[in-house]
C-alpha cells in the first residue's frame, strides 16, 4: 500500500483534543451563544447552552473514571438528534428556510458538534462555526451594544486557537487564560 508523503498527512484528524482544549472550546461556544440567545425562543437558547454544559459534564466524568474509558455519545445518535431538532425548529417557526430558523439550527448544531468533537480537526471546525455564530447577532442589530457583546467571544476565540496550536503542551493550562486573551487583545488592537 502506498504511503502518503509526510507533508500530505493530516495529523489533525487523528490528534485527540485535550481537556484544556475542550474547556477553551466550550468557553468560546458559550461566549458565542450568549449574544445570540436573546434573539431565539427560550427553549432553543437553553437547549443549545445545555449541550455545551453536557460536554463539560462528560469531561468531568472522564476525569473521575479514567480507567473505564471516555464517555462518548455515538455520532449516529447525534445525527438523529440533529434531525429531530431540525423538525422541532421547523414546527416552532412554521418554516425552515429563512434567517430565524437557520440561525436557531446553527445555534443548536454548534452544541451537537461540540459533543461529537474528538480531534484537533473537530476543534478547528468548532472555531470556524463559532465565528459564524458570533456574526449572527448582527443579522438582527448592528448597534455598538451588539459589537461589545461579541468582544468576549472574539477574545476567547484567540485563546481557543492558542490552545489548539499547542496539542501536546503540558504546561499550557486553562489557568493561563489571561496571557492568551491578552495576546488576542493586543493583536486586535494592532489590527485596529
N, C-alpha and C. Protein backbone atom coordinates (compact mmCIF):
# COMPACT_ATOMS: atom_id res chain seq x y z
N UNK A 1 0.83 -1.18 0.00
CA UNK A 1 0.00 0.00 0.00
C UNK A 1 0.88 1.24 0.00
N UNK A 2 0.52 2.20 -0.81
CA UNK A 2 1.32 3.41 -0.96
C UNK A 2 1.15 4.32 0.26
N UNK A 3 2.27 4.80 0.78
CA UNK A 3 2.24 5.72 1.92
C UNK A 3 2.26 7.15 1.42
N UNK A 4 1.52 8.00 2.10
CA UNK A 4 1.49 9.42 1.75
C UNK A 4 2.77 10.08 2.21
N UNK A 5 3.28 11.06 1.46
CA UNK A 5 4.44 11.81 1.94
C UNK A 5 4.10 12.52 3.25
N UNK A 6 5.11 12.80 4.04
CA UNK A 6 4.93 13.42 5.36
C UNK A 6 4.11 14.70 5.29
N UNK A 7 4.36 15.53 4.29
CA UNK A 7 3.68 16.82 4.22
C UNK A 7 2.21 16.69 3.83
N UNK A 8 1.81 15.53 3.31
CA UNK A 8 0.42 15.34 2.89
C UNK A 8 -0.43 14.65 3.96
N UNK A 9 0.18 14.18 5.03
CA UNK A 9 -0.59 13.50 6.07
C UNK A 9 -1.37 14.52 6.88
N UNK A 10 -2.57 14.15 7.25
CA UNK A 10 -3.42 15.04 8.02
C UNK A 10 -3.36 14.62 9.49
N UNK A 11 -2.39 15.14 10.20
CA UNK A 11 -2.19 14.75 11.60
C UNK A 11 -3.31 15.29 12.48
N UNK A 12 -3.93 16.40 12.10
CA UNK A 12 -5.00 16.98 12.91
C UNK A 12 -6.23 16.10 13.01
N UNK A 13 -6.41 15.22 12.02
CA UNK A 13 -7.58 14.35 12.03
C UNK A 13 -7.48 13.27 13.09
N UNK A 14 -6.26 12.94 13.52
CA UNK A 14 -6.09 11.87 14.49
C UNK A 14 -5.60 12.37 15.84
N UNK A 15 -5.17 13.60 15.93
CA UNK A 15 -4.70 14.16 17.19
C UNK A 15 -5.90 14.43 18.09
N UNK A 16 -6.01 13.73 19.22
CA UNK A 16 -7.19 13.93 20.08
C UNK A 16 -7.12 15.27 20.81
N UNK A 17 -8.30 15.80 21.09
CA UNK A 17 -8.39 17.04 21.86
C UNK A 17 -8.04 16.74 23.32
N UNK A 18 -7.33 17.65 23.93
CA UNK A 18 -7.00 17.52 25.35
C UNK A 18 -8.12 18.17 26.17
N UNK A 19 -8.21 17.86 27.45
CA UNK A 19 -9.23 18.51 28.29
C UNK A 19 -9.10 20.04 28.30
N UNK A 20 -7.88 20.55 28.24
CA UNK A 20 -7.69 22.00 28.21
C UNK A 20 -8.28 22.58 26.93
N UNK A 21 -8.04 21.94 25.81
CA UNK A 21 -8.59 22.41 24.55
C UNK A 21 -10.12 22.36 24.55
N UNK A 22 -10.66 21.31 25.14
CA UNK A 22 -12.12 21.18 25.22
C UNK A 22 -12.69 22.30 26.08
N UNK A 23 -12.02 22.64 27.17
CA UNK A 23 -12.51 23.74 28.02
C UNK A 23 -12.48 25.07 27.28
N UNK A 24 -11.40 25.32 26.55
CA UNK A 24 -11.32 26.56 25.78
C UNK A 24 -12.42 26.62 24.72
N UNK A 25 -12.63 25.52 24.03
CA UNK A 25 -13.67 25.49 23.00
C UNK A 25 -15.05 25.69 23.62
N UNK A 26 -15.29 25.08 24.76
CA UNK A 26 -16.58 25.25 25.44
C UNK A 26 -16.80 26.69 25.88
N UNK A 27 -15.76 27.31 26.42
CA UNK A 27 -15.89 28.72 26.83
C UNK A 27 -16.16 29.60 25.61
N UNK A 28 -15.48 29.31 24.51
CA UNK A 28 -15.71 30.06 23.27
C UNK A 28 -17.16 29.90 22.81
N UNK A 29 -17.66 28.68 22.80
CA UNK A 29 -19.02 28.45 22.32
C UNK A 29 -20.05 29.11 23.20
N UNK A 30 -19.86 29.06 24.51
CA UNK A 30 -20.80 29.74 25.40
C UNK A 30 -20.78 31.25 25.18
N UNK A 31 -19.58 31.80 25.01
CA UNK A 31 -19.48 33.24 24.76
C UNK A 31 -20.09 33.62 23.41
N UNK A 32 -20.01 32.72 22.43
CA UNK A 32 -20.62 32.99 21.13
C UNK A 32 -22.13 32.82 21.17
N UNK A 33 -22.62 31.94 22.04
CA UNK A 33 -24.05 31.71 22.14
C UNK A 33 -24.79 32.80 22.90
N UNK A 34 -24.17 33.38 23.90
CA UNK A 34 -24.86 34.35 24.76
C UNK A 34 -25.46 35.52 23.98
N UNK A 35 -24.72 36.22 23.10
CA UNK A 35 -25.33 37.35 22.39
C UNK A 35 -26.48 36.93 21.47
N UNK A 36 -26.42 35.71 20.95
CA UNK A 36 -27.47 35.24 20.04
C UNK A 36 -28.70 34.77 20.80
N UNK A 37 -28.55 34.37 22.04
CA UNK A 37 -29.65 33.77 22.81
C UNK A 37 -30.85 34.70 22.94
N UNK A 38 -30.64 35.99 22.98
CA UNK A 38 -31.77 36.93 23.14
C UNK A 38 -32.66 36.98 21.91
N UNK A 39 -32.19 36.50 20.78
CA UNK A 39 -32.96 36.54 19.53
C UNK A 39 -33.66 35.21 19.24
N UNK A 40 -33.54 34.25 20.14
CA UNK A 40 -34.08 32.91 19.91
C UNK A 40 -35.20 32.61 20.89
N UNK A 41 -36.07 31.65 20.53
CA UNK A 41 -37.03 31.16 21.53
C UNK A 41 -36.28 30.59 22.73
N UNK A 42 -36.86 30.73 23.88
CA UNK A 42 -36.17 30.35 25.12
C UNK A 42 -35.76 28.87 25.13
N UNK A 43 -36.59 28.00 24.54
CA UNK A 43 -36.24 26.58 24.58
C UNK A 43 -35.01 26.28 23.74
N UNK A 44 -34.83 27.00 22.65
CA UNK A 44 -33.65 26.79 21.81
C UNK A 44 -32.41 27.35 22.50
N UNK A 45 -32.54 28.54 23.09
CA UNK A 45 -31.40 29.15 23.79
C UNK A 45 -30.92 28.27 24.94
N UNK A 46 -31.85 27.76 25.74
CA UNK A 46 -31.47 26.91 26.86
C UNK A 46 -30.92 25.57 26.39
N UNK A 47 -31.52 25.04 25.34
CA UNK A 47 -31.11 23.74 24.83
C UNK A 47 -29.69 23.79 24.26
N UNK A 48 -29.37 24.82 23.48
CA UNK A 48 -28.03 24.94 22.93
C UNK A 48 -26.97 25.08 24.00
N UNK A 49 -27.26 25.90 25.02
CA UNK A 49 -26.31 26.06 26.12
C UNK A 49 -26.20 24.77 26.94
N UNK A 50 -27.31 24.04 27.07
CA UNK A 50 -27.29 22.79 27.80
C UNK A 50 -26.40 21.75 27.12
N UNK A 51 -26.36 21.75 25.78
CA UNK A 51 -25.50 20.81 25.06
C UNK A 51 -24.03 21.07 25.37
N UNK A 52 -23.65 22.35 25.43
CA UNK A 52 -22.26 22.69 25.78
C UNK A 52 -21.98 22.27 27.22
N UNK A 53 -22.93 22.53 28.12
CA UNK A 53 -22.75 22.13 29.52
C UNK A 53 -22.67 20.62 29.67
N UNK A 54 -23.39 19.88 28.83
CA UNK A 54 -23.33 18.42 28.86
C UNK A 54 -21.93 17.92 28.53
N UNK A 55 -21.26 18.57 27.59
CA UNK A 55 -19.88 18.17 27.25
C UNK A 55 -18.95 18.43 28.43
N UNK A 56 -19.17 19.54 29.14
CA UNK A 56 -18.37 19.80 30.33
C UNK A 56 -18.60 18.71 31.38
N UNK A 57 -19.83 18.26 31.52
CA UNK A 57 -20.14 17.19 32.46
C UNK A 57 -19.46 15.88 32.03
N UNK A 58 -19.50 15.58 30.73
CA UNK A 58 -18.81 14.38 30.24
C UNK A 58 -17.30 14.47 30.50
N UNK A 59 -16.75 15.67 30.34
CA UNK A 59 -15.32 15.86 30.61
C UNK A 59 -15.02 15.63 32.09
N UNK A 60 -15.90 16.11 32.96
CA UNK A 60 -15.71 15.89 34.40
C UNK A 60 -15.80 14.41 34.73
N UNK A 61 -16.74 13.70 34.12
CA UNK A 61 -16.88 12.26 34.34
C UNK A 61 -15.67 11.51 33.80
N UNK A 62 -15.13 11.96 32.68
CA UNK A 62 -13.94 11.31 32.12
C UNK A 62 -12.78 11.37 33.10
N UNK A 63 -12.64 12.51 33.77
CA UNK A 63 -11.55 12.69 34.71
C UNK A 63 -11.71 11.75 35.91
N UNK A 64 -12.94 11.53 36.36
CA UNK A 64 -13.15 10.70 37.54
C UNK A 64 -13.12 9.20 37.24
N UNK A 65 -13.36 8.81 35.99
CA UNK A 65 -13.38 7.39 35.66
C UNK A 65 -12.42 7.06 34.53
N UNK A 66 -11.21 7.55 34.63
CA UNK A 66 -10.23 7.42 33.55
C UNK A 66 -9.91 5.96 33.21
N UNK A 67 -10.01 5.06 34.14
CA UNK A 67 -9.68 3.67 33.86
C UNK A 67 -10.75 2.99 33.00
N UNK A 68 -11.97 3.47 33.03
CA UNK A 68 -13.06 2.84 32.30
C UNK A 68 -13.17 3.32 30.87
N UNK A 69 -12.44 4.32 30.47
CA UNK A 69 -12.55 4.86 29.12
C UNK A 69 -13.37 6.14 29.11
N UNK A 70 -13.37 6.80 27.98
CA UNK A 70 -14.03 8.08 27.87
C UNK A 70 -15.53 7.92 27.62
N UNK A 71 -16.30 8.81 28.22
CA UNK A 71 -17.75 8.81 28.00
C UNK A 71 -18.03 9.53 26.68
N UNK A 72 -18.69 8.85 25.77
CA UNK A 72 -18.97 9.41 24.45
C UNK A 72 -20.41 9.14 24.06
N UNK A 73 -20.98 10.06 23.30
CA UNK A 73 -22.28 9.86 22.68
C UNK A 73 -22.00 9.47 21.24
N UNK A 74 -22.57 8.37 20.75
CA UNK A 74 -22.27 7.92 19.39
C UNK A 74 -22.67 8.96 18.34
N UNK A 75 -21.89 9.04 17.27
CA UNK A 75 -22.16 10.02 16.20
C UNK A 75 -23.51 9.78 15.54
N UNK A 76 -23.91 8.53 15.39
CA UNK A 76 -25.20 8.26 14.75
C UNK A 76 -26.35 8.79 15.62
N UNK A 77 -26.20 8.71 16.95
CA UNK A 77 -27.24 9.23 17.84
C UNK A 77 -27.31 10.75 17.74
N UNK A 78 -26.15 11.39 17.63
CA UNK A 78 -26.13 12.85 17.49
C UNK A 78 -26.73 13.28 16.15
N UNK A 79 -26.51 12.47 15.10
CA UNK A 79 -27.13 12.76 13.79
C UNK A 79 -28.64 12.68 13.85
N UNK A 80 -29.15 11.66 14.50
CA UNK A 80 -30.60 11.54 14.68
C UNK A 80 -31.14 12.68 15.54
N UNK A 81 -30.36 13.04 16.52
CA UNK A 81 -30.73 14.14 17.40
C UNK A 81 -30.81 15.45 16.62
N UNK A 82 -29.86 15.69 15.73
CA UNK A 82 -29.87 16.90 14.89
C UNK A 82 -31.09 16.91 13.98
N UNK A 83 -31.43 15.75 13.44
CA UNK A 83 -32.62 15.65 12.60
C UNK A 83 -33.89 15.99 13.39
N UNK A 84 -33.98 15.46 14.61
CA UNK A 84 -35.14 15.75 15.47
C UNK A 84 -35.21 17.23 15.83
N UNK A 85 -34.06 17.84 16.09
CA UNK A 85 -34.03 19.27 16.40
C UNK A 85 -34.46 20.08 15.19
N UNK A 86 -34.02 19.67 14.00
CA UNK A 86 -34.45 20.36 12.78
C UNK A 86 -35.96 20.34 12.62
N UNK A 87 -36.57 19.18 12.90
CA UNK A 87 -38.03 19.06 12.82
C UNK A 87 -38.70 19.93 13.88
N UNK A 88 -38.14 19.94 15.10
CA UNK A 88 -38.71 20.76 16.17
C UNK A 88 -38.61 22.25 15.85
N UNK A 89 -37.50 22.66 15.26
CA UNK A 89 -37.34 24.07 14.88
C UNK A 89 -38.32 24.41 13.77
N UNK A 90 -38.51 23.50 12.84
CA UNK A 90 -39.49 23.71 11.76
C UNK A 90 -40.89 23.89 12.34
N UNK A 91 -41.22 23.08 13.32
CA UNK A 91 -42.54 23.18 13.96
C UNK A 91 -42.67 24.48 14.76
N UNK A 92 -41.59 24.90 15.40
CA UNK A 92 -41.61 26.11 16.22
C UNK A 92 -41.80 27.37 15.38
N UNK A 93 -41.08 27.45 14.25
CA UNK A 93 -41.14 28.64 13.41
C UNK A 93 -42.21 28.57 12.32
N UNK A 94 -42.60 27.37 11.95
CA UNK A 94 -43.58 27.21 10.88
C UNK A 94 -42.93 27.12 9.50
N UNK A 95 -41.66 27.35 9.40
CA UNK A 95 -40.89 27.23 8.16
C UNK A 95 -39.45 26.94 8.56
N UNK A 96 -38.65 26.47 7.60
CA UNK A 96 -37.27 26.13 7.94
C UNK A 96 -36.26 26.97 7.18
N UNK A 97 -36.57 27.36 5.97
CA UNK A 97 -35.62 28.14 5.18
C UNK A 97 -35.88 29.62 5.40
N UNK A 98 -35.03 30.22 6.17
CA UNK A 98 -35.13 31.64 6.50
C UNK A 98 -34.10 31.98 7.55
N UNK A 99 -33.97 33.26 7.81
CA UNK A 99 -32.95 33.72 8.76
C UNK A 99 -33.14 33.13 10.14
N UNK A 100 -34.31 33.27 10.72
CA UNK A 100 -34.52 32.88 12.11
C UNK A 100 -34.37 31.38 12.36
N UNK A 101 -35.04 30.51 11.59
CA UNK A 101 -34.86 29.07 11.87
C UNK A 101 -33.45 28.58 11.54
N UNK A 102 -32.82 29.13 10.53
CA UNK A 102 -31.46 28.69 10.19
C UNK A 102 -30.46 29.10 11.26
N UNK A 103 -30.62 30.30 11.81
CA UNK A 103 -29.74 30.73 12.91
C UNK A 103 -29.99 29.86 14.14
N UNK A 104 -31.25 29.55 14.42
CA UNK A 104 -31.57 28.68 15.56
C UNK A 104 -30.97 27.29 15.36
N UNK A 105 -31.03 26.78 14.15
CA UNK A 105 -30.46 25.46 13.86
C UNK A 105 -28.95 25.47 14.02
N UNK A 106 -28.29 26.53 13.55
CA UNK A 106 -26.84 26.66 13.73
C UNK A 106 -26.49 26.71 15.21
N UNK A 107 -27.28 27.44 15.98
CA UNK A 107 -27.07 27.59 17.42
C UNK A 107 -27.04 26.21 18.11
N UNK A 108 -27.98 25.35 17.73
CA UNK A 108 -28.05 24.03 18.34
C UNK A 108 -27.00 23.09 17.74
N UNK A 109 -26.75 23.21 16.44
CA UNK A 109 -25.77 22.33 15.80
C UNK A 109 -24.36 22.54 16.35
N UNK A 110 -24.05 23.77 16.75
CA UNK A 110 -22.74 24.03 17.35
C UNK A 110 -22.60 23.22 18.63
N UNK A 111 -23.65 23.15 19.43
CA UNK A 111 -23.61 22.35 20.65
C UNK A 111 -23.49 20.86 20.35
N UNK A 112 -24.19 20.40 19.31
CA UNK A 112 -24.11 18.98 18.93
C UNK A 112 -22.70 18.64 18.44
N UNK A 113 -22.12 19.51 17.64
CA UNK A 113 -20.76 19.27 17.14
C UNK A 113 -19.76 19.28 18.30
N UNK A 114 -20.00 20.11 19.30
CA UNK A 114 -19.11 20.14 20.46
C UNK A 114 -19.18 18.81 21.21
N UNK A 115 -20.36 18.21 21.29
CA UNK A 115 -20.48 16.90 21.93
C UNK A 115 -19.73 15.83 21.15
N UNK A 116 -19.67 15.98 19.84
CA UNK A 116 -19.04 14.99 18.98
C UNK A 116 -17.52 15.20 18.83
N UNK A 117 -17.04 16.40 19.07
CA UNK A 117 -15.64 16.75 18.79
C UNK A 117 -14.68 15.86 19.58
N UNK A 118 -13.76 15.25 18.83
CA UNK A 118 -12.76 14.39 19.44
C UNK A 118 -11.34 14.73 19.00
N UNK A 119 -11.20 15.29 17.80
CA UNK A 119 -9.86 15.50 17.25
C UNK A 119 -9.56 16.99 17.09
N UNK A 120 -8.32 17.27 16.79
CA UNK A 120 -7.88 18.64 16.57
C UNK A 120 -8.62 19.26 15.38
N UNK A 121 -8.88 18.46 14.35
CA UNK A 121 -9.64 18.95 13.20
C UNK A 121 -11.05 19.34 13.61
N UNK A 122 -11.68 18.57 14.49
CA UNK A 122 -13.00 18.92 15.01
C UNK A 122 -12.96 20.23 15.78
N UNK A 123 -11.90 20.42 16.54
CA UNK A 123 -11.74 21.67 17.29
C UNK A 123 -11.62 22.87 16.37
N UNK A 124 -10.87 22.71 15.28
CA UNK A 124 -10.72 23.80 14.31
C UNK A 124 -12.06 24.08 13.64
N UNK A 125 -12.81 23.06 13.33
CA UNK A 125 -14.14 23.25 12.74
C UNK A 125 -15.07 23.97 13.72
N UNK A 126 -14.95 23.65 15.00
CA UNK A 126 -15.76 24.34 16.01
C UNK A 126 -15.42 25.83 16.08
N UNK A 127 -14.15 26.16 15.97
CA UNK A 127 -13.78 27.58 15.95
C UNK A 127 -14.40 28.28 14.75
N UNK A 128 -14.39 27.62 13.60
CA UNK A 128 -15.00 28.21 12.39
C UNK A 128 -16.50 28.40 12.56
N UNK A 129 -17.18 27.41 13.12
CA UNK A 129 -18.63 27.57 13.32
C UNK A 129 -18.93 28.60 14.41
N UNK A 130 -18.04 28.71 15.39
CA UNK A 130 -18.22 29.75 16.40
C UNK A 130 -18.09 31.13 15.76
N UNK A 131 -17.19 31.27 14.78
CA UNK A 131 -17.08 32.54 14.07
C UNK A 131 -18.39 32.90 13.39
N UNK A 132 -19.01 31.91 12.76
CA UNK A 132 -20.31 32.15 12.11
C UNK A 132 -21.36 32.52 13.15
N UNK A 133 -21.32 31.87 14.30
CA UNK A 133 -22.28 32.16 15.35
C UNK A 133 -22.06 33.54 15.96
N UNK A 134 -20.83 34.00 16.01
CA UNK A 134 -20.54 35.35 16.52
C UNK A 134 -21.15 36.41 15.61
N UNK A 135 -21.20 36.13 14.32
CA UNK A 135 -21.72 37.10 13.34
C UNK A 135 -23.25 37.16 13.35
N UNK A 136 -23.93 36.07 13.71
CA UNK A 136 -25.38 36.01 13.57
C UNK A 136 -26.16 37.06 14.36
N UNK A 137 -25.73 37.53 15.54
CA UNK A 137 -26.50 38.60 16.19
C UNK A 137 -26.54 39.89 15.36
N UNK A 138 -25.57 40.07 14.49
CA UNK A 138 -25.56 41.27 13.65
C UNK A 138 -26.62 41.20 12.54
N UNK A 139 -27.23 40.03 12.34
CA UNK A 139 -28.37 39.94 11.42
C UNK A 139 -29.56 40.70 11.97
N UNK A 140 -29.61 40.84 13.29
CA UNK A 140 -30.75 41.45 13.96
C UNK A 140 -30.49 42.90 14.39
N UNK A 141 -29.24 43.20 14.73
CA UNK A 141 -28.93 44.51 15.29
C UNK A 141 -27.46 44.83 15.04
N UNK A 142 -27.17 45.98 14.42
CA UNK A 142 -25.79 46.37 14.17
C UNK A 142 -25.36 47.52 15.09
N UNK A 143 -25.84 47.53 16.31
CA UNK A 143 -25.53 48.61 17.23
C UNK A 143 -24.16 48.39 17.89
N UNK A 144 -23.72 49.42 18.60
CA UNK A 144 -22.47 49.33 19.33
C UNK A 144 -22.59 48.30 20.46
N UNK A 145 -23.78 48.16 21.04
CA UNK A 145 -24.00 47.17 22.08
C UNK A 145 -23.81 45.75 21.55
N UNK A 146 -24.27 45.49 20.33
CA UNK A 146 -24.07 44.18 19.71
C UNK A 146 -22.57 43.92 19.49
N UNK A 147 -21.84 44.94 19.10
CA UNK A 147 -20.39 44.78 18.90
C UNK A 147 -19.68 44.50 20.23
N UNK A 148 -20.09 45.20 21.26
CA UNK A 148 -19.48 44.98 22.58
C UNK A 148 -19.80 43.58 23.09
N UNK A 149 -21.01 43.10 22.81
CA UNK A 149 -21.39 41.75 23.24
C UNK A 149 -20.57 40.68 22.54
N UNK A 150 -20.04 40.97 21.36
CA UNK A 150 -19.24 40.00 20.61
C UNK A 150 -17.78 39.96 21.07
N UNK A 151 -17.33 40.98 21.78
CA UNK A 151 -15.91 41.07 22.16
C UNK A 151 -15.44 39.87 23.01
N UNK A 152 -16.19 39.44 24.05
CA UNK A 152 -15.69 38.29 24.81
C UNK A 152 -15.50 37.03 23.96
N UNK A 153 -16.40 36.80 23.02
CA UNK A 153 -16.26 35.62 22.16
C UNK A 153 -15.04 35.75 21.26
N UNK A 154 -14.78 36.93 20.76
CA UNK A 154 -13.61 37.13 19.90
C UNK A 154 -12.32 36.92 20.70
N UNK A 155 -12.30 37.42 21.93
CA UNK A 155 -11.11 37.22 22.77
C UNK A 155 -10.92 35.73 23.11
N UNK A 156 -12.02 35.05 23.43
CA UNK A 156 -11.91 33.62 23.72
C UNK A 156 -11.56 32.81 22.49
N UNK A 157 -11.91 33.32 21.32
CA UNK A 157 -11.52 32.63 20.09
C UNK A 157 -9.99 32.60 19.97
N UNK A 158 -9.36 33.70 20.32
CA UNK A 158 -7.90 33.72 20.31
C UNK A 158 -7.32 32.71 21.29
N UNK A 159 -7.92 32.62 22.48
CA UNK A 159 -7.46 31.64 23.45
C UNK A 159 -7.66 30.21 22.97
N UNK A 160 -8.80 29.96 22.34
CA UNK A 160 -9.07 28.61 21.82
C UNK A 160 -8.09 28.25 20.71
N UNK A 161 -7.82 29.20 19.82
CA UNK A 161 -6.85 28.94 18.76
C UNK A 161 -5.46 28.71 19.33
N UNK A 162 -5.12 29.46 20.37
CA UNK A 162 -3.83 29.28 21.04
C UNK A 162 -3.75 27.88 21.66
N UNK A 163 -4.82 27.44 22.29
CA UNK A 163 -4.83 26.10 22.88
C UNK A 163 -4.76 25.02 21.81
N UNK A 164 -5.46 25.22 20.68
CA UNK A 164 -5.41 24.23 19.60
C UNK A 164 -4.04 24.17 18.94
N UNK A 165 -3.30 25.26 18.98
CA UNK A 165 -1.98 25.29 18.38
C UNK A 165 -0.95 24.56 19.24
N UNK A 166 -1.30 24.21 20.46
CA UNK A 166 -0.39 23.52 21.38
C UNK A 166 -0.97 22.16 21.77
N UNK A 167 -1.12 21.24 20.82
CA UNK A 167 -1.79 19.98 21.14
C UNK A 167 -1.08 19.13 22.18
N UNK A 168 0.24 19.16 22.23
CA UNK A 168 0.94 18.29 23.17
C UNK A 168 1.53 19.01 24.35
N UNK A 169 1.30 20.30 24.45
CA UNK A 169 1.94 21.08 25.51
C UNK A 169 1.30 20.76 26.86
N UNK A 170 2.12 20.36 27.80
CA UNK A 170 1.64 20.05 29.13
C UNK A 170 1.54 21.31 29.97
N UNK A 171 2.42 22.27 29.71
CA UNK A 171 2.46 23.47 30.54
C UNK A 171 1.35 24.47 30.21
N UNK A 172 0.67 24.31 29.08
CA UNK A 172 -0.40 25.23 28.71
C UNK A 172 -1.68 24.78 29.39
N UNK A 173 -2.07 25.48 30.41
CA UNK A 173 -3.25 25.11 31.16
C UNK A 173 -4.35 26.14 30.99
N UNK A 174 -5.54 25.77 31.37
CA UNK A 174 -6.68 26.68 31.27
C UNK A 174 -6.47 27.90 32.16
N UNK A 175 -5.69 27.74 33.22
CA UNK A 175 -5.43 28.87 34.12
C UNK A 175 -4.59 29.95 33.44
N UNK A 176 -3.94 29.60 32.34
CA UNK A 176 -3.11 30.57 31.62
C UNK A 176 -3.97 31.40 30.67
N UNK A 177 -5.24 31.54 30.96
CA UNK A 177 -6.17 32.23 30.07
C UNK A 177 -5.83 33.70 29.93
N UNK A 178 -5.30 34.31 30.95
CA UNK A 178 -5.01 35.74 30.87
C UNK A 178 -4.02 36.07 29.77
N UNK A 179 -2.95 35.30 29.68
CA UNK A 179 -1.93 35.59 28.67
C UNK A 179 -2.47 35.35 27.27
N UNK A 180 -3.27 34.29 27.08
CA UNK A 180 -3.83 34.01 25.76
C UNK A 180 -4.82 35.09 25.35
N UNK A 181 -5.68 35.51 26.28
CA UNK A 181 -6.66 36.56 25.98
C UNK A 181 -5.95 37.90 25.78
N UNK A 182 -4.92 38.14 26.56
CA UNK A 182 -4.17 39.39 26.41
C UNK A 182 -3.50 39.46 25.03
N UNK A 183 -2.90 38.34 24.61
CA UNK A 183 -2.29 38.29 23.28
C UNK A 183 -3.31 38.57 22.18
N UNK A 184 -4.49 38.00 22.32
CA UNK A 184 -5.55 38.23 21.34
C UNK A 184 -5.97 39.69 21.34
N UNK A 185 -6.13 40.27 22.53
CA UNK A 185 -6.49 41.69 22.62
C UNK A 185 -5.46 42.60 21.99
N UNK A 186 -4.18 42.28 22.20
CA UNK A 186 -3.10 43.08 21.60
C UNK A 186 -3.17 42.97 20.07
N UNK A 187 -3.39 41.76 19.56
CA UNK A 187 -3.47 41.60 18.11
C UNK A 187 -4.67 42.34 17.52
N UNK A 188 -5.79 42.32 18.23
CA UNK A 188 -6.96 43.07 17.76
C UNK A 188 -6.68 44.57 17.75
N UNK A 189 -6.04 45.05 18.82
CA UNK A 189 -5.69 46.47 18.89
C UNK A 189 -4.72 46.85 17.78
N UNK A 190 -3.75 45.99 17.49
CA UNK A 190 -2.82 46.25 16.40
C UNK A 190 -3.55 46.27 15.06
N UNK A 191 -4.51 45.38 14.90
CA UNK A 191 -5.28 45.34 13.66
C UNK A 191 -6.13 46.60 13.48
N UNK A 192 -6.67 47.10 14.58
CA UNK A 192 -7.47 48.33 14.50
C UNK A 192 -6.58 49.53 14.21
